[in-house]
Amino acid sequence: RLAGYLESISVVKRVIPIAATPAGLDLDLELVSGVANFARYVNRG
């Protein structure tokens, strides 16, 4: 569900998995805009 959602967001150019732990998932996101704009978008989704 997360992978499909990130794929649908125009601001996201590329998703790079870094590490998976019991606490969660670490990713590097290549964004066409800043992470603050990305956060503003996903907060309404």
Full PDB file with SEQRES, HELIX, SHEET, SSBOND, CRYST1, ORIGX, SCALE, CONECT and MASTER records, all heavy atoms in Angstrom:
SEQRES   1 A   45  ARG LEU ALA GLY TYR LEU GLU SER ILE SER VAL VAL LYS          
SEQRES   2 A   45  ARG VAL ILE PRO ILE ALA ALA THR PRO ALA GLY LEU ASP          
SEQRES   3 A   45  LEU ASP LEU GLU LEU VAL SER GLY VAL ALA ASN PHE ALA          
SEQRES   4 A   45  ARG TYR VAL ASN ARG GLY                                      
HELIX    1 AA1 LEU A    2  SER A    8  1                                   7    
HELIX    2 AA2 VAL A   35  VAL A   42  1                                   8    
SHEET    1 AA1 2 VAL A  12  THR A  21  0                                        
SHEET    2 AA1 2 GLY A  24  LEU A  31 -1                                        
CRYST1    1.000    1.000    1.000  90.00  90.00  90.00 P 1           1          
ORIGX1      1.000000  0.000000  0.000000        0.00000                         
ORIGX2      0.000000  1.000000  0.000000        0.00000                         
ORIGX3      0.000000  0.000000  1.000000        0.00000                         
SCALE1      1.000000  0.000000  0.000000        0.00000                         
SCALE2      0.000000  1.000000  0.000000        0.00000                         
SCALE3      0.000000  0.000000  1.000000        0.00000                         
ATOM      1  N   ARG A   1       0.838  -1.206   0.000  1.00  0.00           N  
ATOM      2  CA  ARG A   1       0.000   0.000   0.000  1.00  0.00           C  
ATOM      3  C   ARG A   1       0.872   1.256   0.000  1.00  0.00           C  
ATOM      4  O   ARG A   1       0.604   2.224  -0.730  1.00  0.00           O  
ATOM      5  CB  ARG A   1      -0.925  -0.014   1.222  1.00  0.00           C  
ATOM      6  CG  ARG A   1      -1.946   1.121   1.231  1.00  0.00           C  
ATOM      7  CD  ARG A   1      -3.088   0.802   2.183  1.00  0.00           C  
ATOM      8  NE  ARG A   1      -2.654   0.729   3.568  1.00  0.00           N  
ATOM      9  CZ  ARG A   1      -2.780   1.740   4.438  1.00  0.00           C  
ATOM     10  NH1 ARG A   1      -3.318   2.878   4.050  1.00  0.00           N  
ATOM     11  NH2 ARG A   1      -2.381   1.603   5.677  1.00  0.00           N  
ATOM     12  N   LEU A   2       1.943   1.239   0.789  1.00  0.00           N  
ATOM     13  CA  LEU A   2       2.865   2.378   0.824  1.00  0.00           C  
ATOM     14  C   LEU A   2       3.558   2.556  -0.527  1.00  0.00           C  
ATOM     15  O   LEU A   2       3.642   3.670  -1.052  1.00  0.00           O  
ATOM     16  CB  LEU A   2       3.913   2.159   1.916  1.00  0.00           C  
ATOM     17  CG  LEU A   2       5.058   3.187   1.954  1.00  0.00           C  
ATOM     18  CD1 LEU A   2       4.521   4.568   2.292  1.00  0.00           C  
ATOM     19  CD2 LEU A   2       6.130   2.758   2.958  1.00  0.00           C  
ATOM     20  N   ALA A   3       4.053   1.444  -1.110  1.00  0.00           N  
ATOM     21  CA  ALA A   3       4.762   1.531  -2.385  1.00  0.00           C  
ATOM     22  C   ALA A   3       3.849   2.079  -3.481  1.00  0.00           C  
ATOM     23  O   ALA A   3       4.249   2.933  -4.289  1.00  0.00           O  
ATOM     24  CB  ALA A   3       5.299   0.153  -2.778  1.00  0.00           C  
ATOM     25  N   GLY A   4       2.605   1.605  -3.508  1.00  0.00           N  
ATOM     26  CA  GLY A   4       1.670   2.092  -4.515  1.00  0.00           C  
ATOM     27  C   GLY A   4       1.334   3.557  -4.323  1.00  0.00           C  
ATOM     28  O   GLY A   4       1.205   4.308  -5.298  1.00  0.00           O  
ATOM     29  N   TYR A   5       1.231   3.975  -3.068  1.00  0.00           N  
ATOM     30  CA  TYR A   5       0.920   5.372  -2.780  1.00  0.00           C  
ATOM     31  C   TYR A   5       2.067   6.288  -3.205  1.00  0.00           C  
ATOM     32  O   TYR A   5       1.847   7.307  -3.870  1.00  0.00           O  
ATOM     33  CB  TYR A   5       0.639   5.531  -1.287  1.00  0.00           C  
ATOM     34  CG  TYR A   5       0.341   6.949  -0.867  1.00  0.00           C  
ATOM     35  CD1 TYR A   5      -0.757   7.628  -1.379  1.00  0.00           C  
ATOM     36  CD2 TYR A   5       1.169   7.609   0.043  1.00  0.00           C  
ATOM     37  CE1 TYR A   5      -1.029   8.935  -0.994  1.00  0.00           C  
ATOM     38  CE2 TYR A   5       0.894   8.912   0.435  1.00  0.00           C  
ATOM     39  CZ  TYR A   5      -0.202   9.572  -0.093  1.00  0.00           C  
ATOM     40  OH  TYR A   5      -0.460  10.858   0.292  1.00  0.00           O  
ATOM     41  N   LEU A   6       3.291   5.928  -2.849  1.00  0.00           N  
ATOM     42  CA  LEU A   6       4.441   6.753  -3.227  1.00  0.00           C  
ATOM     43  C   LEU A   6       4.583   6.830  -4.743  1.00  0.00           C  
ATOM     44  O   LEU A   6       4.958   7.863  -5.296  1.00  0.00           O  
ATOM     45  CB  LEU A   6       5.714   6.191  -2.601  1.00  0.00           C  
ATOM     46  CG  LEU A   6       5.802   6.276  -1.074  1.00  0.00           C  
ATOM     47  CD1 LEU A   6       7.083   5.605  -0.582  1.00  0.00           C  
ATOM     48  CD2 LEU A   6       5.745   7.723  -0.594  1.00  0.00           C  
ATOM     49  N   GLU A   7       4.267   5.723  -5.422  1.00  0.00           N  
ATOM     50  CA  GLU A   7       4.341   5.696  -6.886  1.00  0.00           C  
ATOM     51  C   GLU A   7       3.358   6.671  -7.513  1.00  0.00           C  
ATOM     52  O   GLU A   7       3.606   7.212  -8.596  1.00  0.00           O  
ATOM     53  CB  GLU A   7       4.053   4.276  -7.385  1.00  0.00           C  
ATOM     54  CG  GLU A   7       4.069   4.105  -8.890  1.00  0.00           C  
ATOM     55  CD  GLU A   7       5.457   4.221  -9.488  1.00  0.00           C  
ATOM     56  OE1 GLU A   7       6.451   4.013  -8.745  1.00  0.00           O  
ATOM     57  OE2 GLU A   7       5.559   4.513 -10.687  1.00  0.00           O  
ATOM     58  N   SER A   8       2.245   6.952  -6.824  1.00  0.00           N  
ATOM     59  CA  SER A   8       1.191   7.804  -7.380  1.00  0.00           C  
ATOM     60  C   SER A   8       1.445   9.287  -7.157  1.00  0.00           C  
ATOM     61  O   SER A   8       0.738  10.125  -7.725  1.00  0.00           O  
ATOM     62  CB  SER A   8      -0.155   7.437  -6.760  1.00  0.00           C  
ATOM     63  OG  SER A   8      -0.229   7.864  -5.400  1.00  0.00           O  
ATOM     64  N   ILE A   9       2.437   9.644  -6.337  1.00  0.00           N  
ATOM     65  CA  ILE A   9       2.670  11.047  -5.986  1.00  0.00           C  
ATOM     66  C   ILE A   9       3.634  11.677  -6.987  1.00  0.00           C  
ATOM     67  O   ILE A   9       4.769  11.222  -7.141  1.00  0.00           O  
ATOM     68  CB  ILE A   9       3.219  11.168  -4.552  1.00  0.00           C  
ATOM     69  CG1 ILE A   9       2.230  10.552  -3.560  1.00  0.00           C  
ATOM     70  CG2 ILE A   9       3.479  12.624  -4.195  1.00  0.00           C  
ATOM     71  CD1 ILE A   9       2.741  10.545  -2.127  1.00  0.00           C  
ATOM     72  N   SER A  10       3.196  12.741  -7.634  1.00  0.00           N  
ATOM     73  CA  SER A  10       3.987  13.340  -8.711  1.00  0.00           C  
ATOM     74  C   SER A  10       5.304  13.934  -8.220  1.00  0.00           C  
ATOM     75  O   SER A  10       6.270  14.018  -8.978  1.00  0.00           O  
ATOM     76  CB  SER A  10       3.160  14.428  -9.404  1.00  0.00           C  
ATOM     77  OG  SER A  10       1.980  13.884  -9.946  1.00  0.00           O  
ATOM     78  N   VAL A  11       5.350  14.332  -6.967  1.00  0.00           N  
ATOM     79  CA  VAL A  11       6.561  14.955  -6.441  1.00  0.00           C  
ATOM     80  C   VAL A  11       7.676  13.932  -6.227  1.00  0.00           C  
ATOM     81  O   VAL A  11       8.850  14.288  -6.106  1.00  0.00           O  
ATOM     82  CB  VAL A  11       6.255  15.719  -5.131  1.00  0.00           C  
ATOM     83  CG1 VAL A  11       6.025  14.758  -3.989  1.00  0.00           C  
ATOM     84  CG2 VAL A  11       7.343  16.723  -4.799  1.00  0.00           C  
ATOM     85  N   VAL A  12       7.329  12.639  -6.208  1.00  0.00           N  
ATOM     86  CA  VAL A  12       8.308  11.576  -5.962  1.00  0.00           C  
ATOM     87  C   VAL A  12       8.848  11.047  -7.288  1.00  0.00           C  
ATOM     88  O   VAL A  12       8.110  10.496  -8.096  1.00  0.00           O  
ATOM     89  CB  VAL A  12       7.684  10.416  -5.156  1.00  0.00           C  
ATOM     90  CG1 VAL A  12       8.718   9.311  -4.933  1.00  0.00           C  
ATOM     91  CG2 VAL A  12       7.146  10.918  -3.819  1.00  0.00           C  
ATOM     92  N   LYS A  13      10.165  11.198  -7.509  1.00  0.00           N  
ATOM     93  CA  LYS A  13      10.786  10.686  -8.736  1.00  0.00           C  
ATOM     94  C   LYS A  13      11.276   9.255  -8.557  1.00  0.00           C  
ATOM     95  O   LYS A  13      11.208   8.440  -9.479  1.00  0.00           O  
ATOM     96  CB  LYS A  13      11.969  11.578  -9.128  1.00  0.00           C  
ATOM     97  CG  LYS A  13      11.586  12.955  -9.621  1.00  0.00           C  
ATOM     98  CD  LYS A  13      12.803  13.758 -10.032  1.00  0.00           C  
ATOM     99  CE  LYS A  13      13.501  13.164 -11.250  1.00  0.00           C  
ATOM    100  NZ  LYS A  13      14.637  14.000 -11.691  1.00  0.00           N  
ATOM    101  N   ARG A  14      11.797   8.950  -7.348  1.00  0.00           N  
ATOM    102  CA  ARG A  14      12.399   7.632  -7.144  1.00  0.00           C  
ATOM    103  C   ARG A  14      12.350   7.274  -5.664  1.00  0.00           C  
ATOM    104  O   ARG A  14      12.480   8.147  -4.799  1.00  0.00           O  
ATOM    105  CB  ARG A  14      13.851   7.649  -7.639  1.00  0.00           C  
ATOM    106  CG  ARG A  14      14.529   6.279  -7.707  1.00  0.00           C  
ATOM    107  CD  ARG A  14      15.774   6.346  -8.595  1.00  0.00           C  
ATOM    108  NE  ARG A  14      16.705   7.384  -8.165  1.00  0.00           N  
ATOM    109  CZ  ARG A  14      17.956   7.154  -7.753  1.00  0.00           C  
ATOM    110  NH1 ARG A  14      18.416   5.905  -7.730  1.00  0.00           N  
ATOM    111  NH2 ARG A  14      18.740   8.144  -7.399  1.00  0.00           N  
ATOM    112  N   VAL A  15      12.118   5.982  -5.380  1.00  0.00           N  
ATOM    113  CA  VAL A  15      12.094   5.475  -4.007  1.00  0.00           C  
ATOM    114  C   VAL A  15      13.231   4.472  -3.846  1.00  0.00           C  
ATOM    115  O   VAL A  15      13.330   3.502  -4.606  1.00  0.00           O  
ATOM    116  CB  VAL A  15      10.750   4.795  -3.686  1.00  0.00           C  
ATOM    117  CG1 VAL A  15      10.755   4.263  -2.256  1.00  0.00           C  
ATOM    118  CG2 VAL A  15       9.593   5.767  -3.906  1.00  0.00           C  
ATOM    119  N   ILE A  16      14.108   4.713  -2.859  1.00  0.00           N  
ATOM    120  CA  ILE A  16      15.268   3.848  -2.636  1.00  0.00           C  
ATOM    121  C   ILE A  16      15.160   3.247  -1.233  1.00  0.00           C  
ATOM    122  O   ILE A  16      15.362   3.954  -0.236  1.00  0.00           O  
ATOM    123  CB  ILE A  16      16.586   4.646  -2.763  1.00  0.00           C  
ATOM    124  CG1 ILE A  16      16.618   5.417  -4.080  1.00  0.00           C  
ATOM    125  CG2 ILE A  16      17.786   3.715  -2.628  1.00  0.00           C  
ATOM    126  CD1 ILE A  16      17.709   6.467  -4.144  1.00  0.00           C  
ATOM    127  N   PRO A  17      14.813   1.960  -1.088  1.00  0.00           N  
ATOM    128  CA  PRO A  17      14.770   1.336   0.239  1.00  0.00           C  
ATOM    129  C   PRO A  17      16.171   1.300   0.857  1.00  0.00           C  
ATOM    130  O   PRO A  17      17.143   0.948   0.193  1.00  0.00           O  
ATOM    131  CB  PRO A  17      14.251  -0.070  -0.053  1.00  0.00           C  
ATOM    132  CG  PRO A  17      13.617   0.000  -1.418  1.00  0.00           C  
ATOM    133  CD  PRO A  17      14.403   1.037  -2.160  1.00  0.00           C  
ATOM    134  N   ILE A  18      16.253   1.659   2.131  1.00  0.00           N  
ATOM    135  CA  ILE A  18      17.542   1.687   2.820  1.00  0.00           C  
ATOM    136  C   ILE A  18      17.631   0.587   3.875  1.00  0.00           C  
ATOM    137  O   ILE A  18      18.585  -0.195   3.899  1.00  0.00           O  
ATOM    138  CB  ILE A  18      17.776   3.066   3.486  1.00  0.00           C  
ATOM    139  CG1 ILE A  18      17.776   4.169   2.418  1.00  0.00           C  
ATOM    140  CG2 ILE A  18      19.092   3.062   4.261  1.00  0.00           C  
ATOM    141  CD1 ILE A  18      18.846   4.009   1.349  1.00  0.00           C  
ATOM    142  N   ALA A  19      16.631   0.474   4.731  1.00  0.00           N  
ATOM    143  CA  ALA A  19      16.677  -0.531   5.794  1.00  0.00           C  
ATOM    144  C   ALA A  19      15.277  -0.805   6.308  1.00  0.00           C  
ATOM    145  O   ALA A  19      14.424   0.094   6.327  1.00  0.00           O  
ATOM    146  CB  ALA A  19      17.573  -0.062   6.944  1.00  0.00           C  
ATOM    147  N   ALA A  20      15.040  -2.041   6.714  1.00  0.00           N  
ATOM    148  CA  ALA A  20      13.772  -2.427   7.330  1.00  0.00           C  
ATOM    149  C   ALA A  20      14.061  -2.978   8.717  1.00  0.00           C  
ATOM    150  O   ALA A  20      14.946  -3.821   8.892  1.00  0.00           O  
ATOM    151  CB  ALA A  20      13.065  -3.472   6.485  1.00  0.00           C  
ATOM    152  N   THR A  21      13.347  -2.462   9.716  1.00  0.00           N  
ATOM    153  CA  THR A  21      13.513  -2.907  11.099  1.00  0.00           C  
ATOM    154  C   THR A  21      12.127  -3.172  11.684  1.00  0.00           C  
ATOM    155  O   THR A  21      11.113  -2.791  11.085  1.00  0.00           O  
ATOM    156  CB  THR A  21      14.223  -1.822  11.940  1.00  0.00           C  
ATOM    157  OG1 THR A  21      13.335  -0.703  12.084  1.00  0.00           O  
ATOM    158  CG2 THR A  21      15.507  -1.361  11.273  1.00  0.00           C  
ATOM    159  N   PRO A  22      12.060  -3.801  12.837  1.00  0.00           N  
ATOM    160  CA  PRO A  22      10.746  -3.992  13.472  1.00  0.00           C  
ATOM    161  C   PRO A  22      10.026  -2.671  13.731  1.00  0.00           C  
ATOM    162  O   PRO A  22       8.790  -2.632  13.801  1.00  0.00           O  
ATOM    163  CB  PRO A  22      11.102  -4.701  14.786  1.00  0.00           C  
ATOM    164  CG  PRO A  22      12.384  -5.421  14.488  1.00  0.00           C  
ATOM    165  CD  PRO A  22      13.133  -4.511  13.566  1.00  0.00           C  
ATOM    166  N   ALA A  23      10.795  -1.592  13.857  1.00  0.00           N  
ATOM    167  CA  ALA A  23      10.180  -0.293  14.143  1.00  0.00           C  
ATOM    168  C   ALA A  23       9.594   0.360  12.894  1.00  0.00           C  
ATOM    169  O   ALA A  23       8.689   1.187  12.981  1.00  0.00           O  
ATOM    170  CB  ALA A  23      11.208   0.641  14.775  1.00  0.00           C  
ATOM    171  N   GLY A  24      10.130   0.025  11.726  1.00  0.00           N  
ATOM    172  CA  GLY A  24       9.630   0.674  10.523  1.00  0.00           C  
ATOM    173  C   GLY A  24      10.567   0.504   9.343  1.00  0.00           C  
ATOM    174  O   GLY A  24      11.445  -0.378   9.338  1.00  0.00           O  
ATOM    175  N   LEU A  25      10.400   1.373   8.372  1.00  0.00           N  
ATOM    176  CA  LEU A  25      11.136   1.284   7.116  1.00  0.00           C  
ATOM    177  C   LEU A  25      11.838   2.600   6.852  1.00  0.00           C  
ATOM    178  O   LEU A  25      11.246   3.682   6.995  1.00  0.00           O  
ATOM    179  CB  LEU A  25      10.159   0.982   5.969  1.00  0.00           C  
ATOM    180  CG  LEU A  25      10.726   0.820   4.566  1.00  0.00           C  
ATOM    181  CD1 LEU A  25      11.633  -0.408   4.484  1.00  0.00           C  
ATOM    182  CD2 LEU A  25       9.583   0.694   3.558  1.00  0.00           C  
ATOM    183  N   ASP A  26      13.141   2.518   6.487  1.00  0.00           N  
ATOM    184  CA  ASP A  26      13.900   3.710   6.122  1.00  0.00           C  
ATOM    185  C   ASP A  26      14.006   3.769   4.599  1.00  0.00           C  
ATOM    186  O   ASP A  26      14.359   2.788   3.942  1.00  0.00           O  
ATOM    187  CB  ASP A  26      15.308   3.672   6.717  1.00  0.00           C  
ATOM    188  CG  ASP A  26      15.303   3.813   8.231  1.00  0.00           C  
ATOM    189  OD1 ASP A  26      14.233   4.162   8.782  1.00  0.00           O  
ATOM    190  OD2 ASP A  26      16.345   3.573   8.857  1.00  0.00           O  
ATOM    191  N   LEU A  27      13.685   4.945   4.045  1.00  0.00           N  
ATOM    192  CA  LEU A  27      13.710   5.151   2.599  1.00  0.00           C  
ATOM    193  C   LEU A  27      14.447   6.432   2.279  1.00  0.00           C  
ATOM    194  O   LEU A  27      14.453   7.395   3.056  1.00  0.00           O  
ATOM    195  CB  LEU A  27      12.284   5.269   2.036  1.00  0.00           C  
ATOM    196  CG  LEU A  27      11.296   4.151   2.307  1.00  0.00           C  
ATOM    197  CD1 LEU A  27       9.892   4.596   1.878  1.00  0.00           C  
ATOM    198  CD2 LEU A  27      11.698   2.890   1.547  1.00  0.00           C  
ATOM    199  N   ASP A  28      15.090   6.452   1.106  1.00  0.00           N  
ATOM    200  CA  ASP A  28      15.539   7.701   0.511  1.00  0.00           C  
ATOM    201  C   ASP A  28      14.594   8.030  -0.626  1.00  0.00           C  
ATOM    202  O   ASP A  28      14.389   7.210  -1.530  1.00  0.00           O  
ATOM    203  CB  ASP A  28      16.973   7.582  -0.025  1.00  0.00           C  
ATOM    204  CG  ASP A  28      18.017   7.792   1.063  1.00  0.00           C  
ATOM    205  OD1 ASP A  28      17.625   8.169   2.188  1.00  0.00           O  
ATOM    206  OD2 ASP A  28      19.208   7.568   0.788  1.00  0.00           O  
ATOM    207  N   LEU A  29      13.994   9.218  -0.571  1.00  0.00           N  
ATOM    208  CA  LEU A  29      13.074   9.659  -1.604  1.00  0.00           C  
ATOM    209  C   LEU A  29      13.727  10.753  -2.434  1.00  0.00           C  
ATOM    210  O   LEU A  29      14.195  11.761  -1.890  1.00  0.00           O  
ATOM    211  CB  LEU A  29      11.776  10.199  -0.989  1.00  0.00           C  
ATOM    212  CG  LEU A  29      10.962   9.243  -0.124  1.00  0.00           C  
ATOM    213  CD1 LEU A  29       9.689   9.937   0.360  1.00  0.00           C  
ATOM    214  CD2 LEU A  29      10.624   7.964  -0.872  1.00  0.00           C  
ATOM    215  N   GLU A  30      13.780  10.538  -3.744  1.00  0.00           N  
ATOM    216  CA  GLU A  30      14.227  11.599  -4.643  1.00  0.00           C  
ATOM    217  C   GLU A  30      12.994  12.416  -5.031  1.00  0.00           C  
ATOM    218  O   GLU A  30      12.068  11.904  -5.666  1.00  0.00           O  
ATOM    219  CB  GLU A  30      14.895  11.029  -5.891  1.00  0.00           C  
ATOM    220  CG  GLU A  30      15.452  12.127  -6.799  1.00  0.00           C  
ATOM    221  CD  GLU A  30      16.156  11.571  -8.025  1.00  0.00           C  
ATOM    222  OE1 GLU A  30      16.298  10.333  -8.142  1.00  0.00           O  
ATOM    223  OE2 GLU A  30      16.546  12.387  -8.884  1.00  0.00           O  
ATOM    224  N   LEU A  31      12.994  13.688  -4.611  1.00  0.00           N  
ATOM    225  CA  LEU A  31      11.821  14.544  -4.767  1.00  0.00           C  
ATOM    226  C   LEU A  31      12.100  15.688  -5.740  1.00  0.00           C  
ATOM    227  O   LEU A  31      13.196  16.255  -5.747  1.00  0.00           O  
ATOM    228  CB  LEU A  31      11.408  15.123  -3.411  1.00  0.00           C  
ATOM    229  CG  LEU A  31      11.160  14.110  -2.282  1.00  0.00           C  
ATOM    230  CD1 LEU A  31      10.863  14.844  -0.984  1.00  0.00           C  
ATOM    231  CD2 LEU A  31      10.021  13.165  -2.652  1.00  0.00           C  
ATOM    232  N   VAL A  32      11.105  16.030  -6.547  1.00  0.00           N  
ATOM    233  CA  VAL A  32      11.245  17.178  -7.444  1.00  0.00           C  
ATOM    234  C   VAL A  32      11.074  18.471  -6.672  1.00  0.00           C  
ATOM    235  O   VAL A  32      11.386  19.558  -7.169  1.00  0.00           O  
ATOM    236  CB  VAL A  32      10.228  17.123  -8.602  1.00  0.00           C  
ATOM    237  CG1 VAL A  32      10.376  15.850  -9.397  1.00  0.00           C  
ATOM    238  CG2 VAL A  32       8.795  17.259  -8.108  1.00  0.00           C  
ATOM    239  N   SER A  33      10.558  18.377  -5.455  1.00  0.00           N  
ATOM    240  CA  SER A  33      10.399  19.523  -4.574  1.00  0.00           C  
ATOM    241  C   SER A  33      10.884  19.098  -3.195  1.00  0.00           C  
ATOM    242  O   SER A  33      11.277  17.954  -2.987  1.00  0.00           O  
ATOM    243  CB  SER A  33       8.935  19.956  -4.560  1.00  0.00           C  
ATOM    244  OG  SER A  33       8.747  21.087  -3.742  1.00  0.00           O  
ATOM    245  N   GLY A  34      10.845  20.009  -2.230  1.00  0.00           N  
ATOM    246  CA  GLY A  34      11.388  19.707  -0.910  1.00  0.00           C  
ATOM    247  C   GLY A  34      10.537  18.749  -0.107  1.00  0.00           C  
ATOM    248  O   GLY A  34       9.369  18.500  -0.413  1.00  0.00           O  
ATOM    249  N   VAL A  35      11.121  18.227   0.961  1.00  0.00           N  
ATOM    250  CA  VAL A  35      10.416  17.264   1.799  1.00  0.00           C  
ATOM    251  C   VAL A  35       9.269  17.930   2.545  1.00  0.00           C  
ATOM    252  O   VAL A  35       8.265  17.279   2.876  1.00  0.00           O  
ATOM    253  CB  VAL A  35      11.401  16.576   2.780  1.00  0.00           C  
ATOM    254  CG1 VAL A  35      11.866  17.545   3.863  1.00  0.00           C  
ATOM    255  CG2 VAL A  35      10.770  15.330   3.392  1.00  0.00           C  
ATOM    256  N   ALA A  36       9.368  19.238   2.802  1.00  0.00           N  
ATOM    257  CA  ALA A  36       8.255  19.930   3.458  1.00  0.00           C  
ATOM    258  C   ALA A  36       7.027  19.947   2.559  1.00  0.00           C  
ATOM    259  O   ALA A  36       5.897  19.779   3.025  1.00  0.00           O  
ATOM    260  CB  ALA A  36       8.661  21.355   3.829  1.00  0.00           C  
ATOM    261  N   ASN A  37       7.233  20.149   1.258  1.00  0.00           N  
ATOM    262  CA  ASN A  37       6.111  20.106   0.317  1.00  0.00           C  
ATOM    263  C   ASN A  37       5.547  18.693   0.210  1.00  0.00           C  
ATOM    264  O   ASN A  37       4.331  18.503   0.114  1.00  0.00           O  
ATOM    265  CB  ASN A  37       6.563  20.593  -1.060  1.00  0.00           C  
ATOM    266  CG  ASN A  37       6.803  22.085  -1.089  1.00  0.00           C  
ATOM    267  OD1 ASN A  37       6.244  22.820  -0.288  1.00  0.00           O  
ATOM    268  ND2 ASN A  37       7.629  22.529  -2.003  1.00  0.00           N  
ATOM    269  N   PHE A  38       6.433  17.700   0.234  1.00  0.00           N  
ATOM    270  CA  PHE A  38       5.988  16.299   0.215  1.00  0.00           C  
ATOM    271  C   PHE A  38       5.131  16.011   1.449  1.00  0.00           C  
ATOM    272  O   PHE A  38       4.063  15.398   1.350  1.00  0.00           O  
ATOM    273  CB  PHE A  38       7.209  15.387   0.179  1.00  0.00           C  
ATOM    274  CG  PHE A  38       6.900  13.929   0.415  1.00  0.00           C  
ATOM    275  CD1 PHE A  38       6.331  13.152  -0.587  1.00  0.00           C  
ATOM    276  CD2 PHE A  38       7.173  13.336   1.642  1.00  0.00           C  
ATOM    277  CE1 PHE A  38       6.032  11.808  -0.364  1.00  0.00           C  
ATOM    278  CE2 PHE A  38       6.897  12.004   1.865  1.00  0.00           C  
ATOM    279  CZ  PHE A  38       6.319  11.231   0.856  1.00  0.00           C  
ATOM    280  N   ALA A  39       5.593  16.457   2.610  1.00  0.00           N  
ATOM    281  CA  ALA A  39       4.851  16.222   3.854  1.00  0.00           C  
ATOM    282  C   ALA A  39       3.492  16.915   3.817  1.00  0.00           C  
ATOM    283  O   ALA A  39       2.477  16.362   4.260  1.00  0.00           O  
ATOM    284  CB  ALA A  39       5.663  16.713   5.050  1.00  0.00           C  
ATOM    285  N   ARG A  40       3.463  18.128   3.264  1.00  0.00           N  
ATOM    286  CA  ARG A  40       2.203  18.875   3.163  1.00  0.00           C  
ATOM    287  C   ARG A  40       1.200  18.101   2.308  1.00  0.00           C  
ATOM    288  O   ARG A  40       0.007  18.075   2.600  1.00  0.00           O  
ATOM    289  CB  ARG A  40       2.482  20.249   2.565  1.00  0.00           C  
ATOM    290  CG  ARG A  40       1.306  21.201   2.607  1.00  0.00           C  
ATOM    291  CD  ARG A  40       1.687  22.557   2.032  1.00  0.00           C  
ATOM    292  NE  ARG A  40       2.723  23.199   2.820  1.00  0.00           N  
ATOM    293  CZ  ARG A  40       3.934  23.522   2.350  1.00  0.00           C  
ATOM    294  NH1 ARG A  40       4.265  23.240   1.100  1.00  0.00           N  
ATOM    295  NH2 ARG A  40       4.815  24.108   3.118  1.00  0.00           N  
ATOM    296  N   TYR A  41       1.696  17.469   1.261  1.00  0.00           N  
ATOM    297  CA  TYR A  41       0.818  16.710   0.371  1.00  0.00           C  
ATOM    298  C   TYR A  41       0.296  15.440   1.052  1.00  0.00           C  
ATOM    299  O   TYR A  41      -0.903  15.171   1.045  1.00  0.00           O  
ATOM    300  CB  TYR A  41       1.565  16.350  -0.912  1.00  0.00           C  
ATOM    301  CG  TYR A  41       0.733  15.562  -1.897  1.00  0.00           C  
ATOM    302  CD1 TYR A  41      -0.075  16.211  -2.817  1.00  0.00           C  
ATOM    303  CD2 TYR A  41       0.755  14.166  -1.902  1.00  0.00           C  
ATOM    304  CE1 TYR A  41      -0.848  15.491  -3.715  1.00  0.00           C  
ATOM    305  CE2 TYR A  41      -0.009  13.439  -2.795  1.00  0.00           C  
ATOM    306  CZ  TYR A  41      -0.805  14.106  -3.702  1.00  0.00           C  
ATOM    307  OH  TYR A  41      -1.570  13.398  -4.591  1.00  0.00           O  
ATOM    308  N   VAL A  42       1.201  14.652   1.633  1.00  0.00           N  
ATOM    309  CA  VAL A  42       0.763  13.362   2.189  1.00  0.00           C  
ATOM    310  C   VAL A  42      -0.111  13.555   3.426  1.00  0.00           C  
ATOM    311  O   VAL A  42      -0.938  12.697   3.733  1.00  0.00           O  
ATOM    312  CB  VAL A  42       1.962  12.435   2.516  1.00  0.00           C  
ATOM    313  CG1 VAL A  42       2.777  12.159   1.267  1.00  0.00           C  
ATOM    314  CG2 VAL A  42       2.831  13.013   3.615  1.00  0.00           C  
ATOM    315  N   ASN A  43       0.039  14.662   4.128  1.00  0.00           N  
ATOM    316  CA  ASN A  43      -0.767  14.889   5.317  1.00  0.00           C  
ATOM    317  C   ASN A  43      -2.259  15.005   4.998  1.00  0.00           C  
ATOM    318  O   ASN A  43      -3.097  14.877   5.881  1.00  0.00           O  
ATOM    319  CB  ASN A  43      -0.305  16.153   6.045  1.00  0.00           C  
ATOM    320  CG  ASN A  43       0.941  15.917   6.870  1.00  0.00           C  
ATOM    321  OD1 ASN A  43       1.321  14.781   7.117  1.00  0.00           O  
ATOM    322  ND2 ASN A  43       1.590  16.991   7.294  1.00  0.00           N  
ATOM    323  N   ARG A  44      -2.591  15.271   3.724  1.00  0.00           N  
ATOM    324  CA  ARG A  44      -3.998  15.387   3.367  1.00  0.00           C  
ATOM    325  C   ARG A  44      -4.513  14.121   2.666  1.00  0.00           C  
ATOM    326  O   ARG A  44      -5.679  14.051   2.303  1.00  0.00           O  
ATOM    327  CB  ARG A  44      -4.215  16.586   2.444  1.00  0.00           C  
ATOM    328  CG  ARG A  44      -3.621  16.422   1.066  1.00  0.00           C  
ATOM    329  CD  ARG A  44      -3.787  17.669   0.221  1.00  0.00           C  
ATOM    330  NE  ARG A  44      -3.401  17.415  -1.159  1.00  0.00           N  
ATOM    331  CZ  ARG A  44      -3.387  18.331  -2.105  1.00  0.00           C  
ATOM    332  NH1 ARG A  44      -3.715  19.568  -1.823  1.00  0.00           N  
ATOM    333  NH2 ARG A  44      -3.044  18.018  -3.337  1.00  0.00           N  
ATOM    334  N   GLY A  45      -3.617  13.119   2.498  1.00  0.00           N  
ATOM    335  CA  GLY A  45      -3.986  11.962   1.692  1.00  0.00           C  
ATOM    336  C   GLY A  45      -4.587  10.802   2.449  1.00  0.00           C  
ATOM    337  O   GLY A  45      -5.203   9.924   1.856  1.00  0.00           O  
TER     338      GLY A  45                                                      
MASTER        0    0    0    2    2    0    0    6  337    1    0    4          
END                                                                             
